[in-house]
Amino acid sequence: AEVAEGVQEPKRLKEGSAALSLLWSMRAKRFWTIVADGFADQDTTEPSSAFGIRAYAAELEPYHGFLFKNTFRTGLLALPSRKEMLGNMALAPADSMGLDACWPGWEDSAEAGAGLAPDERAAACLVELRECSDATKRVTDAVQAVLDEFGLRDDRKL
């Protein structure tokens, strides 16, 4: 519908269009998958800041101006270590986190992992992280193919 309405202006998408929002969502999800893969890769000693910056350079940096580039790079340099991040992801949720409102049934999920040792929880987290990243890649590839098919692109810098 947006293509028919002329959402694609010369070299850019109209502000507020669903196509522009979708395009940025796909960029952000591809950035996230590279970061997730970096945290899940246990065969490397690459620091988290390195794969974070690599993900940024590949997916978001081409569309960012000076201010965003410096802000993102500074934040990515502060990423926790792989060990610390995975340890935090593998923690059992606390009752006081307010999960009932956003994740009904979280207690069943937490109970399923309650008997796991910390290293088993971390291993399970790694499996789920890889699965989530792989599924996200399939979705972003499919959505990007549709955006490309309709010629919906926007390469301007923010």
Foldseek 3Di string as FASTA:
>chain_A
DCVVVPQDDVQAGDPPDPLVVLLVVLLVLQLVLQLLVVLLDPPDPDWSLVSNVVSCVPRPVLQADDVVVVVSNVVSVPDDGSVVVLLVVLDQDDPPPPCCVPPPPSVVVSVVCVPPDSVVSSVVVSVVSNVVSVVSVVVSVVVVVVCVVSVNDHRHHD
